[in-house]
Amino acid sequence: MNDDIGQCPKCFGMIFLEQGESVSWYCPTCNLKYKTE
């Protein structure tokens, strides 16, 4: 599994790592962003 791909805690689909001002994950299925700890 790639490091920039995770699993969405809500829909269990794929989420993708986004490098920005802060590192966050984006789920296209839920259209939600998750901040990393």
PDB file of N, CA and C in Angstrom:
ATOM      1  N   MET A   1       0.850  -1.196   0.000  1.00  0.00           N
ATOM      2  CA  MET A   1       0.000   0.000   0.000  1.00  0.00           C
ATOM      3  C   MET A   1       0.886   1.247   0.000  1.00  0.00           C
ATOM      4  N   ASN A   2       0.494   2.205  -0.808  1.00  0.00           N
ATOM      5  CA  ASN A   2       1.257   3.449  -0.919  1.00  0.00           C
ATOM      6  C   ASN A   2       1.079   4.300   0.335  1.00  0.00           C
ATOM      7  N   ASP A   3       2.114   5.049   0.698  1.00  0.00           N
ATOM      8  CA  ASP A   3       2.053   5.895   1.892  1.00  0.00           C
ATOM      9  C   ASP A   3       1.075   7.059   1.762  1.00  0.00           C
ATOM     10  N   ASP A   4       0.790   7.486   0.529  1.00  0.00           N
ATOM     11  CA  ASP A   4      -0.148   8.610   0.412  1.00  0.00           C
ATOM     12  C   ASP A   4      -1.578   8.149   0.170  1.00  0.00           C
ATOM     13  N   ILE A   5      -1.834   6.861   0.363  1.00  0.00           N
ATOM     14  CA  ILE A   5      -3.207   6.367   0.264  1.00  0.00           C
ATOM     15  C   ILE A   5      -3.578   5.701   1.578  1.00  0.00           C
ATOM     16  N   GLY A   6      -4.735   6.109   2.108  1.00  0.00           N
ATOM     17  CA  GLY A   6      -5.194   5.527   3.363  1.00  0.00           C
ATOM     18  C   GLY A   6      -6.618   5.043   3.207  1.00  0.00           C
ATOM     19  N   GLN A   7      -7.251   4.763   4.355  1.00  0.00           N
ATOM     20  CA  GLN A   7      -8.633   4.305   4.315  1.00  0.00           C
ATOM     21  C   GLN A   7      -9.502   5.269   5.102  1.00  0.00           C
ATOM     22  N   CYS A   8     -10.612   5.663   4.500  1.00  0.00           N
ATOM     23  CA  CYS A   8     -11.532   6.593   5.137  1.00  0.00           C
ATOM     24  C   CYS A   8     -12.223   5.920   6.319  1.00  0.00           C
ATOM     25  N   PRO A   9     -12.191   6.558   7.510  1.00  0.00           N
ATOM     26  CA  PRO A   9     -12.844   5.972   8.684  1.00  0.00           C
ATOM     27  C   PRO A   9     -14.369   5.952   8.569  1.00  0.00           C
ATOM     28  N   LYS A  10     -14.911   6.745   7.650  1.00  0.00           N
ATOM     29  CA  LYS A  10     -16.364   6.834   7.510  1.00  0.00           C
ATOM     30  C   LYS A  10     -16.911   5.839   6.482  1.00  0.00           C
ATOM     31  N   CYS A  11     -16.375   5.878   5.259  1.00  0.00           N
ATOM     32  CA  CYS A  11     -16.925   5.022   4.198  1.00  0.00           C
ATOM     33  C   CYS A  11     -15.999   3.856   3.857  1.00  0.00           C
ATOM     34  N   PHE A  12     -14.803   3.831   4.463  1.00  0.00           N
ATOM     35  CA  PHE A  12     -13.800   2.788   4.230  1.00  0.00           C
ATOM     36  C   PHE A  12     -13.299   2.750   2.792  1.00  0.00           C
ATOM     37  N   GLY A  13     -13.494   3.864   2.083  1.00  0.00           N
ATOM     38  CA  GLY A  13     -12.941   3.981   0.741  1.00  0.00           C
ATOM     39  C   GLY A  13     -11.522   4.524   0.825  1.00  0.00           C
ATOM     40  N   MET A  14     -10.934   4.786  -0.329  1.00  0.00           N
ATOM     41  CA  MET A  14      -9.569   5.307  -0.346  1.00  0.00           C
ATOM     42  C   MET A  14      -9.553   6.795  -0.041  1.00  0.00           C
ATOM     43  N   ILE A  15      -8.570   7.196   0.768  1.00  0.00           N
ATOM     44  CA  ILE A  15      -8.326   8.618   0.992  1.00  0.00           C
ATOM     45  C   ILE A  15      -6.901   8.922   0.561  1.00  0.00           C
ATOM     46  N   PHE A  16      -6.689  10.129   0.116  1.00  0.00           N
ATOM     47  CA  PHE A  16      -5.411  10.517  -0.462  1.00  0.00           C
ATOM     48  C   PHE A  16      -4.758  11.612   0.357  1.00  0.00           C
ATOM     49  N   LEU A  17      -3.450  11.494   0.556  1.00  0.00           N
ATOM     50  CA  LEU A  17      -2.697  12.461   1.336  1.00  0.00           C
ATOM     51  C   LEU A  17      -2.487  13.728   0.524  1.00  0.00           C
ATOM     52  N   GLU A  18      -2.776  14.866   1.145  1.00  0.00           N
ATOM     53  CA  GLU A  18      -2.549  16.157   0.499  1.00  0.00           C
ATOM     54  C   GLU A  18      -1.502  16.926   1.280  1.00  0.00           C
ATOM     55  N   GLN A  19      -0.469  17.363   0.585  1.00  0.00           N
ATOM     56  CA  GLN A  19       0.557  18.188   1.207  1.00  0.00           C
ATOM     57  C   GLN A  19       0.174  19.641   0.991  1.00  0.00           C
ATOM     58  N   GLY A  20      -0.080  20.355   2.084  1.00  0.00           N
ATOM     59  CA  GLY A  20      -0.416  21.768   1.978  1.00  0.00           C
ATOM     60  C   GLY A  20       0.242  22.496   3.127  1.00  0.00           C
ATOM     61  N   GLU A  21      -0.427  23.530   3.644  1.00  0.00           N
ATOM     62  CA  GLU A  21       0.090  24.229   4.816  1.00  0.00           C
ATOM     63  C   GLU A  21       0.152  23.263   5.987  1.00  0.00           C
ATOM     64  N   SER A  22      -0.872  22.412   6.081  1.00  0.00           N
ATOM     65  CA  SER A  22      -0.823  21.306   7.031  1.00  0.00           C
ATOM     66  C   SER A  22      -1.149  20.047   6.246  1.00  0.00           C
ATOM     67  N   VAL A  23      -0.673  18.926   6.733  1.00  0.00           N
ATOM     68  CA  VAL A  23      -0.904  17.676   6.028  1.00  0.00           C
ATOM     69  C   VAL A  23      -2.313  17.189   6.338  1.00  0.00           C
ATOM     70  N   SER A  24      -3.067  16.891   5.298  1.00  0.00           N
ATOM     71  CA  SER A  24      -4.422  16.398   5.509  1.00  0.00           C
ATOM     72  C   SER A  24      -4.730  15.293   4.509  1.00  0.00           C
ATOM     73  N   TRP A  25      -5.752  14.541   4.839  1.00  0.00           N
ATOM     74  CA  TRP A  25      -6.225  13.478   3.967  1.00  0.00           C
ATOM     75  C   TRP A  25      -7.528  13.918   3.333  1.00  0.00           C
ATOM     76  N   TYR A  26      -7.746  13.541   2.090  1.00  0.00           N
ATOM     77  CA  TYR A  26      -8.971  13.900   1.389  1.00  0.00           C
ATOM     78  C   TYR A  26      -9.672  12.636   0.891  1.00  0.00           C
ATOM     79  N   CYS A  27     -10.962  12.540   1.196  1.00  0.00           N
ATOM     80  CA  CYS A  27     -11.770  11.423   0.708  1.00  0.00           C
ATOM     81  C   CYS A  27     -12.716  11.923  -0.371  1.00  0.00           C
ATOM     82  N   PRO A  28     -12.497  11.530  -1.632  1.00  0.00           N
ATOM     83  CA  PRO A  28     -13.370  11.978  -2.714  1.00  0.00           C
ATOM     84  C   PRO A  28     -14.784  11.405  -2.611  1.00  0.00           C
ATOM     85  N   THR A  29     -14.919  10.239  -1.998  1.00  0.00           N
ATOM     86  CA  THR A  29     -16.238   9.617  -1.859  1.00  0.00           C
ATOM     87  C   THR A  29     -17.128  10.425  -0.917  1.00  0.00           C
ATOM     88  N   CYS A  30     -16.573  10.777   0.249  1.00  0.00           N
ATOM     89  CA  CYS A  30     -17.336  11.558   1.237  1.00  0.00           C
ATOM     90  C   CYS A  30     -17.201  13.057   0.985  1.00  0.00           C
ATOM     91  N   ASN A  31     -16.223  13.433   0.155  1.00  0.00           N
ATOM     92  CA  ASN A  31     -15.878  14.832  -0.060  1.00  0.00           C
ATOM     93  C   ASN A  31     -15.506  15.498   1.261  1.00  0.00           C
ATOM     94  N   LEU A  32     -14.695  14.791   2.052  1.00  0.00           N
ATOM     95  CA  LEU A  32     -14.282  15.282   3.359  1.00  0.00           C
ATOM     96  C   LEU A  32     -12.771  15.296   3.459  1.00  0.00           C
ATOM     97  N   LYS A  33     -12.284  16.195   4.319  1.00  0.00           N
ATOM     98  CA  LYS A  33     -10.854  16.228   4.616  1.00  0.00           C
ATOM     99  C   LYS A  33     -10.629  15.861   6.070  1.00  0.00           C
ATOM    100  N   TYR A  34      -9.580  15.118   6.312  1.00  0.00           N
ATOM    101  CA  TYR A  34      -9.197  14.743   7.664  1.00  0.00           C
ATOM    102  C   TYR A  34      -7.803  15.275   7.924  1.00  0.00           C
ATOM    103  N   LYS A  35      -7.614  15.935   9.054  1.00  0.00           N
ATOM    104  CA  LYS A  35      -6.272  16.396   9.436  1.00  0.00           C
ATOM    105  C   LYS A  35      -5.525  15.233  10.068  1.00  0.00           C
ATOM    106  N   THR A  36      -4.239  15.178   9.809  1.00  0.00           N
ATOM    107  CA  THR A  36      -3.446  14.131  10.452  1.00  0.00           C
ATOM    108  C   THR A  36      -3.066  14.587  11.854  1.00  0.00           C
ATOM    109  N   GLU A  37      -2.805  13.616  12.712  1.00  0.00           N
ATOM    110  CA  GLU A  37      -2.436  13.923  14.103  1.00  0.00           C
ATOM    111  C   GLU A  37      -1.065  14.562  14.141  1.00  0.00           C
TER     112      GLU A  37
END
